[in-house]
């Protein structure tokens, strides 16, 4: 599991033909839980692997009411960690548990490009 200490996150959604939706909200930390797979045996000894739980990014300290108020579905998560610097992930929406815990559906990590004259991020 990967964990990042953050002070805020930015969620956004890009569109063709108009400006992206975006919101920056306070957050204490993010934790990436890897996907879980199950291997099953089929007829004739064949094996099949199925994903039983996709990868999820848990966001601690995020106000669930802010997430509930979004009228759009975020597709990108960006943040700055004190150790690793700038990070960006593609996500596919989010969920909120009955305990108001926010989870972001992980798709993949985007390599952050750094400007040549800016050693500390984008």
C-alpha atoms as a PDB file:
ATOM      1  CA  UNK A   1       0.000   0.000   0.000  1.00  0.00           C
ATOM      2  CA  UNK A   2       1.299   3.454  -0.953  1.00  0.00           C
ATOM      3  CA  UNK A   3       0.564   6.406   1.339  1.00  0.00           C
ATOM      4  CA  UNK A   4       1.043  10.144   0.793  1.00  0.00           C
ATOM      5  CA  UNK A   5       0.875  12.951   3.357  1.00  0.00           C
ATOM      6  CA  UNK A   6      -0.927  15.914   1.818  1.00  0.00           C
ATOM      7  CA  UNK A   7      -2.677  19.093   2.868  1.00  0.00           C
ATOM      8  CA  UNK A   8      -5.075  19.309  -0.082  1.00  0.00           C
ATOM      9  CA  UNK A   9      -6.128  17.508  -3.235  1.00  0.00           C
ATOM     10  CA  UNK A  10      -7.499  18.766  -6.531  1.00  0.00           C
ATOM     11  CA  UNK A  11     -10.171  16.799  -8.331  1.00  0.00           C
ATOM     12  CA  UNK A  12     -11.010  17.673 -11.914  1.00  0.00           C
ATOM     13  CA  UNK A  13     -12.810  16.495 -15.032  1.00  0.00           C
ATOM     14  CA  UNK A  14     -11.707  17.468 -18.538  1.00  0.00           C
ATOM     15  CA  UNK A  15     -14.119  18.051 -21.399  1.00  0.00           C
ATOM     16  CA  UNK A  16     -13.921  18.711 -25.104  1.00  0.00           C
ATOM     17  CA  UNK A  17     -15.269  22.130 -26.004  1.00  0.00           C
ATOM     18  CA  UNK A  18     -15.326  23.820 -22.598  1.00  0.00           C
ATOM     19  CA  UNK A  19     -13.283  24.437 -19.474  1.00  0.00           C
ATOM     20  CA  UNK A  20     -12.692  21.604 -17.000  1.00  0.00           C
ATOM     21  CA  UNK A  21     -14.565  21.301 -13.728  1.00  0.00           C
ATOM     22  CA  UNK A  22     -12.193  21.450 -10.768  1.00  0.00           C
ATOM     23  CA  UNK A  23     -12.249  21.670  -6.982  1.00  0.00           C
ATOM     24  CA  UNK A  24      -9.426  21.843  -4.433  1.00  0.00           C
ATOM     25  CA  UNK A  25     -10.292  20.541  -0.981  1.00  0.00           C
ATOM     26  CA  UNK A  26      -8.417  19.890   2.281  1.00  0.00           C
ATOM     27  CA  UNK A  27      -7.150  16.337   2.823  1.00  0.00           C
ATOM     28  CA  UNK A  28      -4.772  14.786   5.418  1.00  0.00           C
ATOM     29  CA  UNK A  29      -3.523  11.743   3.547  1.00  0.00           C
ATOM     30  CA  UNK A  30      -4.112   9.404   0.616  1.00  0.00           C
ATOM     31  CA  UNK A  31      -3.610   5.628   0.604  1.00  0.00           C
ATOM     32  CA  UNK A  32      -3.582   3.457  -2.515  1.00  0.00           C
ATOM     33  CA  UNK A  33      -4.821  -0.083  -1.935  1.00  0.00           C
ATOM     34  CA  UNK A  34      -3.860  -2.467  -4.757  1.00  0.00           C
ATOM     35  CA  UNK A  35      -6.475  -4.537  -6.575  1.00  0.00           C
ATOM     36  CA  UNK A  36      -7.304  -8.008  -5.302  1.00  0.00           C
ATOM     37  CA  UNK A  37      -7.452 -10.997  -7.649  1.00  0.00           C
ATOM     38  CA  UNK A  38      -8.772 -14.529  -7.359  1.00  0.00           C
ATOM     39  CA  UNK A  39      -7.543 -17.447  -9.448  1.00  0.00           C
ATOM     40  CA  UNK A  40     -10.118 -20.034 -10.443  1.00  0.00           C
ATOM     41  CA  UNK A  41      -9.672 -23.421 -12.047  1.00  0.00           C
ATOM     42  CA  UNK A  42     -11.766 -24.195 -15.081  1.00  0.00           C
ATOM     43  CA  UNK A  43     -12.567 -27.276 -17.084  1.00  0.00           C
ATOM     44  CA  UNK A  44      -9.578 -29.258 -18.229  1.00  0.00           C
ATOM     45  CA  UNK A  45      -7.282 -27.650 -15.653  1.00  0.00           C
ATOM     46  CA  UNK A  46      -7.370 -24.164 -17.205  1.00  0.00           C
ATOM     47  CA  UNK A  47      -6.840 -21.249 -14.858  1.00  0.00           C
ATOM     48  CA  UNK A  48      -8.622 -17.910 -14.939  1.00  0.00           C
ATOM     49  CA  UNK A  49      -7.792 -14.831 -12.919  1.00  0.00           C
ATOM     50  CA  UNK A  50     -10.589 -12.437 -11.963  1.00  0.00           C
ATOM     51  CA  UNK A  51     -10.394  -9.090 -10.213  1.00  0.00           C
ATOM     52  CA  UNK A  52     -12.561  -9.226  -7.096  1.00  0.00           C
ATOM     53  CA  UNK A  53     -11.742  -5.730  -5.826  1.00  0.00           C
ATOM     54  CA  UNK A  54     -10.339  -2.870  -7.937  1.00  0.00           C
ATOM     55  CA  UNK A  55      -7.567  -0.556  -6.741  1.00  0.00           C
ATOM     56  CA  UNK A  56      -8.861   2.266  -4.546  1.00  0.00           C
ATOM     57  CA  UNK A  57      -7.382   5.505  -3.211  1.00  0.00           C
ATOM     58  CA  UNK A  58      -8.702   6.278   0.288  1.00  0.00           C
ATOM     59  CA  UNK A  59      -8.781   9.982   1.115  1.00  0.00           C
ATOM     60  CA  UNK A  60      -8.524  10.736   4.861  1.00  0.00           C
ATOM     61  CA  UNK A  61      -9.759  14.073   6.117  1.00  0.00           C
ATOM     62  CA  UNK A  62     -11.897  14.925   3.087  1.00  0.00           C
ATOM     63  CA  UNK A  63     -15.250  16.543   3.882  1.00  0.00           C
ATOM     64  CA  UNK A  64     -17.790  14.076   2.487  1.00  0.00           C
ATOM     65  CA  UNK A  65     -20.413  16.838   2.160  1.00  0.00           C
ATOM     66  CA  UNK A  66     -18.159  18.643  -0.344  1.00  0.00           C
ATOM     67  CA  UNK A  67     -17.884  15.428  -2.369  1.00  0.00           C
ATOM     68  CA  UNK A  68     -21.646  14.891  -2.258  1.00  0.00           C
ATOM     69  CA  UNK A  69     -22.208  18.431  -3.571  1.00  0.00           C
ATOM     70  CA  UNK A  70     -20.250  17.778  -6.795  1.00  0.00           C
ATOM     71  CA  UNK A  71     -22.519  17.823  -9.846  1.00  0.00           C
ATOM     72  CA  UNK A  72     -19.840  16.195 -12.020  1.00  0.00           C
ATOM     73  CA  UNK A  73     -17.698  13.058 -11.779  1.00  0.00           C
ATOM     74  CA  UNK A  74     -13.954  13.619 -11.268  1.00  0.00           C
ATOM     75  CA  UNK A  75     -11.559  11.892 -13.662  1.00  0.00           C
ATOM     76  CA  UNK A  76      -8.258  13.294 -12.375  1.00  0.00           C
ATOM     77  CA  UNK A  77      -6.655  13.595  -8.922  1.00  0.00           C
ATOM     78  CA  UNK A  78      -3.629  15.827  -8.379  1.00  0.00           C
ATOM     79  CA  UNK A  79      -1.732  16.556  -5.175  1.00  0.00           C
ATOM     80  CA  UNK A  80       1.682  17.419  -3.778  1.00  0.00           C
ATOM     81  CA  UNK A  81       3.290  15.076  -1.285  1.00  0.00           C
ATOM     82  CA  UNK A  82       6.030  16.404   1.018  1.00  0.00           C
ATOM     83  CA  UNK A  83       8.418  13.612  -0.080  1.00  0.00           C
ATOM     84  CA  UNK A  84       7.509  12.660  -3.663  1.00  0.00           C
ATOM     85  CA  UNK A  85       6.391  16.091  -4.897  1.00  0.00           C
ATOM     86  CA  UNK A  86       3.696  16.454  -7.543  1.00  0.00           C
ATOM     87  CA  UNK A  87       1.516  13.434  -8.300  1.00  0.00           C
ATOM     88  CA  UNK A  88      -1.341  12.867 -10.716  1.00  0.00           C
ATOM     89  CA  UNK A  89      -3.726   9.930 -11.082  1.00  0.00           C
ATOM     90  CA  UNK A  90      -6.583   9.159 -13.411  1.00  0.00           C
ATOM     91  CA  UNK A  91      -9.644   8.125 -11.457  1.00  0.00           C
ATOM     92  CA  UNK A  92     -13.143   6.985 -12.291  1.00  0.00           C
ATOM     93  CA  UNK A  93     -15.430   8.677  -9.826  1.00  0.00           C
ATOM     94  CA  UNK A  94     -15.683   8.141  -6.080  1.00  0.00           C
ATOM     95  CA  UNK A  95     -17.759   6.557  -3.354  1.00  0.00           C
ATOM     96  CA  UNK A  96     -18.646   7.562   0.191  1.00  0.00           C
ATOM     97  CA  UNK A  97     -19.138   4.943   2.902  1.00  0.00           C
ATOM     98  CA  UNK A  98     -21.862   5.184   5.586  1.00  0.00           C
ATOM     99  CA  UNK A  99     -19.036   6.361   7.907  1.00  0.00           C
ATOM    100  CA  UNK A 100     -18.341   9.281   5.467  1.00  0.00           C
ATOM    101  CA  UNK A 101     -15.040   7.791   4.280  1.00  0.00           C
ATOM    102  CA  UNK A 102     -14.175   8.891   0.744  1.00  0.00           C
ATOM    103  CA  UNK A 103     -12.688   6.417  -1.772  1.00  0.00           C
ATOM    104  CA  UNK A 104     -11.574   7.317  -5.279  1.00  0.00           C
ATOM    105  CA  UNK A 105     -11.684   4.639  -7.987  1.00  0.00           C
ATOM    106  CA  UNK A 106      -8.088   4.287  -9.227  1.00  0.00           C
ATOM    107  CA  UNK A 107      -7.439   3.922 -12.973  1.00  0.00           C
ATOM    108  CA  UNK A 108      -3.721   4.642 -13.387  1.00  0.00           C
ATOM    109  CA  UNK A 109      -0.871   6.957 -12.490  1.00  0.00           C
ATOM    110  CA  UNK A 110       0.041   9.808 -14.816  1.00  0.00           C
ATOM    111  CA  UNK A 111       3.718  10.681 -15.124  1.00  0.00           C
ATOM    112  CA  UNK A 112       4.079  14.313 -14.074  1.00  0.00           C
ATOM    113  CA  UNK A 113       6.240  16.302 -16.454  1.00  0.00           C
ATOM    114  CA  UNK A 114       8.497  18.870 -14.853  1.00  0.00           C
ATOM    115  CA  UNK A 115       9.451  22.091 -16.546  1.00  0.00           C
ATOM    116  CA  UNK A 116      13.245  22.227 -17.139  1.00  0.00           C
ATOM    117  CA  UNK A 117      13.642  25.431 -15.119  1.00  0.00           C
ATOM    118  CA  UNK A 118      11.387  24.289 -12.252  1.00  0.00           C
ATOM    119  CA  UNK A 119      13.031  21.547 -10.157  1.00  0.00           C
ATOM    120  CA  UNK A 120      10.188  21.330  -7.624  1.00  0.00           C
ATOM    121  CA  UNK A 121       7.212  20.357  -9.790  1.00  0.00           C
ATOM    122  CA  UNK A 122       5.087  21.531 -12.609  1.00  0.00           C
END
